[in-house]
Amino acid sequence: MADGGGNGHSVFTFWLLKSLAEFTGECYPASKLGHRVCQAVGDNSDQLPVFSRMTKATGERGGEFLLYPGGVVPPPGRM
């Protein structure tokens, strides 16, 4: 069942929250998070989420979202 991912969440939300909770590094690139969540959801359900670039949002290319844990201050120039 697509909504039976665990802890009352959908499969996607379960793996997103699990991936965020288990991350121990200084910053989490969205591409790495997206890859992990897509693979885990695909391995555990009949769904396959898609992670890709937003190509028409700003007209710029090559950016990356970086997620920092609470309390961590990003280095200068990274915001």
C-alpha atoms as a PDB file:
ATOM      1  CA  MET A   1       0.000   0.000   0.000  1.00  0.00           C
ATOM      2  CA  ALA A   2       1.450   3.385  -1.041  1.00  0.00           C
ATOM      3  CA  ASP A   3       0.421   5.096   2.202  1.00  0.00           C
ATOM      4  CA  GLY A   4       1.824   2.365   4.418  1.00  0.00           C
ATOM      5  CA  GLY A   5       5.417   3.537   4.747  1.00  0.00           C
ATOM      6  CA  GLY A   6       5.601   3.359   8.509  1.00  0.00           C
ATOM      7  CA  ASN A   7       4.940   5.591  11.498  1.00  0.00           C
ATOM      8  CA  GLY A   8       1.659   6.695   9.896  1.00  0.00           C
ATOM      9  CA  HIS A   9       3.395   8.212   6.854  1.00  0.00           C
ATOM     10  CA  SER A  10       3.400   7.473   3.139  1.00  0.00           C
ATOM     11  CA  VAL A  11       6.361   5.506   1.780  1.00  0.00           C
ATOM     12  CA  PHE A  12       7.892   8.700   0.369  1.00  0.00           C
ATOM     13  CA  THR A  13       7.500  10.703   3.586  1.00  0.00           C
ATOM     14  CA  PHE A  14       8.789   7.832   5.710  1.00  0.00           C
ATOM     15  CA  TRP A  15      12.027   7.578   3.693  1.00  0.00           C
ATOM     16  CA  LEU A  16      12.448  11.351   3.442  1.00  0.00           C
ATOM     17  CA  LEU A  17      12.198  11.760   7.221  1.00  0.00           C
ATOM     18  CA  LYS A  18      14.381   8.702   7.856  1.00  0.00           C
ATOM     19  CA  SER A  19      17.064   9.988   5.474  1.00  0.00           C
ATOM     20  CA  LEU A  20      17.071  13.420   7.101  1.00  0.00           C
ATOM     21  CA  ALA A  21      17.201  11.966  10.622  1.00  0.00           C
ATOM     22  CA  GLU A  22      20.104   9.628   9.825  1.00  0.00           C
ATOM     23  CA  PHE A  23      22.283  12.246   8.132  1.00  0.00           C
ATOM     24  CA  THR A  24      25.349  13.049  10.229  1.00  0.00           C
ATOM     25  CA  GLY A  25      27.373  15.335   7.973  1.00  0.00           C
ATOM     26  CA  GLU A  26      27.807  19.094   7.940  1.00  0.00           C
ATOM     27  CA  CYS A  27      25.507  19.723   4.979  1.00  0.00           C
ATOM     28  CA  TYR A  28      23.266  17.473   2.902  1.00  0.00           C
ATOM     29  CA  PRO A  29      23.194  18.192  -0.851  1.00  0.00           C
ATOM     30  CA  ALA A  30      19.657  17.856  -2.190  1.00  0.00           C
ATOM     31  CA  SER A  31      20.929  15.618  -5.003  1.00  0.00           C
ATOM     32  CA  LYS A  32      22.266  13.088  -2.484  1.00  0.00           C
ATOM     33  CA  LEU A  33      19.046  13.207  -0.449  1.00  0.00           C
ATOM     34  CA  GLY A  34      16.941  12.872  -3.605  1.00  0.00           C
ATOM     35  CA  HIS A  35      18.940   9.880  -4.829  1.00  0.00           C
ATOM     36  CA  ARG A  36      18.653   8.093  -1.492  1.00  0.00           C
ATOM     37  CA  VAL A  37      14.905   8.721  -1.132  1.00  0.00           C
ATOM     38  CA  CYS A  38      14.120   7.732  -4.735  1.00  0.00           C
ATOM     39  CA  GLN A  39      16.085   4.493  -4.407  1.00  0.00           C
ATOM     40  CA  ALA A  40      14.535   3.571  -1.041  1.00  0.00           C
ATOM     41  CA  VAL A  41      10.972   4.317  -2.173  1.00  0.00           C
ATOM     42  CA  GLY A  42      11.503   2.363  -5.396  1.00  0.00           C
ATOM     43  CA  ASP A  43      12.917  -0.600  -3.454  1.00  0.00           C
ATOM     44  CA  ASN A  44      10.013  -0.630  -0.979  1.00  0.00           C
ATOM     45  CA  SER A  45       6.930   0.173  -3.062  1.00  0.00           C
ATOM     46  CA  ASP A  46       5.439   0.270  -6.541  1.00  0.00           C
ATOM     47  CA  GLN A  47       6.131   4.016  -6.705  1.00  0.00           C
ATOM     48  CA  LEU A  48       9.175   5.707  -8.190  1.00  0.00           C
ATOM     49  CA  PRO A  49       9.612   9.366  -7.304  1.00  0.00           C
ATOM     50  CA  VAL A  50      11.666  11.538  -9.620  1.00  0.00           C
ATOM     51  CA  PHE A  51      14.363  13.970  -8.542  1.00  0.00           C
ATOM     52  CA  SER A  52      15.593  16.389 -11.189  1.00  0.00           C
ATOM     53  CA  ARG A  53      16.713  19.962 -11.767  1.00  0.00           C
ATOM     54  CA  MET A  54      14.286  22.858 -11.855  1.00  0.00           C
ATOM     55  CA  THR A  55      15.154  24.208 -15.278  1.00  0.00           C
ATOM     56  CA  LYS A  56      12.749  27.085 -15.769  1.00  0.00           C
ATOM     57  CA  ALA A  57      12.508  28.496 -12.247  1.00  0.00           C
ATOM     58  CA  THR A  58      15.184  31.191 -12.524  1.00  0.00           C
ATOM     59  CA  GLY A  59      16.787  30.783 -15.920  1.00  0.00           C
ATOM     60  CA  GLU A  60      20.066  29.804 -14.236  1.00  0.00           C
ATOM     61  CA  ARG A  61      21.642  26.378 -14.310  1.00  0.00           C
ATOM     62  CA  GLY A  62      23.967  24.403 -12.119  1.00  0.00           C
ATOM     63  CA  GLY A  63      22.702  25.326  -8.647  1.00  0.00           C
ATOM     64  CA  GLU A  64      22.283  22.920  -5.761  1.00  0.00           C
ATOM     65  CA  PHE A  65      20.208  23.134  -2.609  1.00  0.00           C
ATOM     66  CA  LEU A  66      22.264  22.418   0.504  1.00  0.00           C
ATOM     67  CA  LEU A  67      20.451  21.398   3.665  1.00  0.00           C
ATOM     68  CA  TYR A  68      22.107  22.220   6.986  1.00  0.00           C
ATOM     69  CA  PRO A  69      21.103  20.687  10.329  1.00  0.00           C
ATOM     70  CA  GLY A  70      19.601  23.041  12.887  1.00  0.00           C
ATOM     71  CA  GLY A  71      22.236  25.046  14.707  1.00  0.00           C
ATOM     72  CA  VAL A  72      24.818  24.733  11.912  1.00  0.00           C
ATOM     73  CA  VAL A  73      25.827  28.026  10.333  1.00  0.00           C
ATOM     74  CA  PRO A  74      26.750  27.669   6.639  1.00  0.00           C
ATOM     75  CA  PRO A  75      30.219  28.962   5.692  1.00  0.00           C
ATOM     76  CA  PRO A  76      30.361  32.480   4.179  1.00  0.00           C
ATOM     77  CA  GLY A  77      29.438  32.478   0.504  1.00  0.00           C
ATOM     78  CA  ARG A  78      27.332  29.311   0.730  1.00  0.00           C
ATOM     79  CA  MET A  79      24.030  31.121   1.310  1.00  0.00           C
END
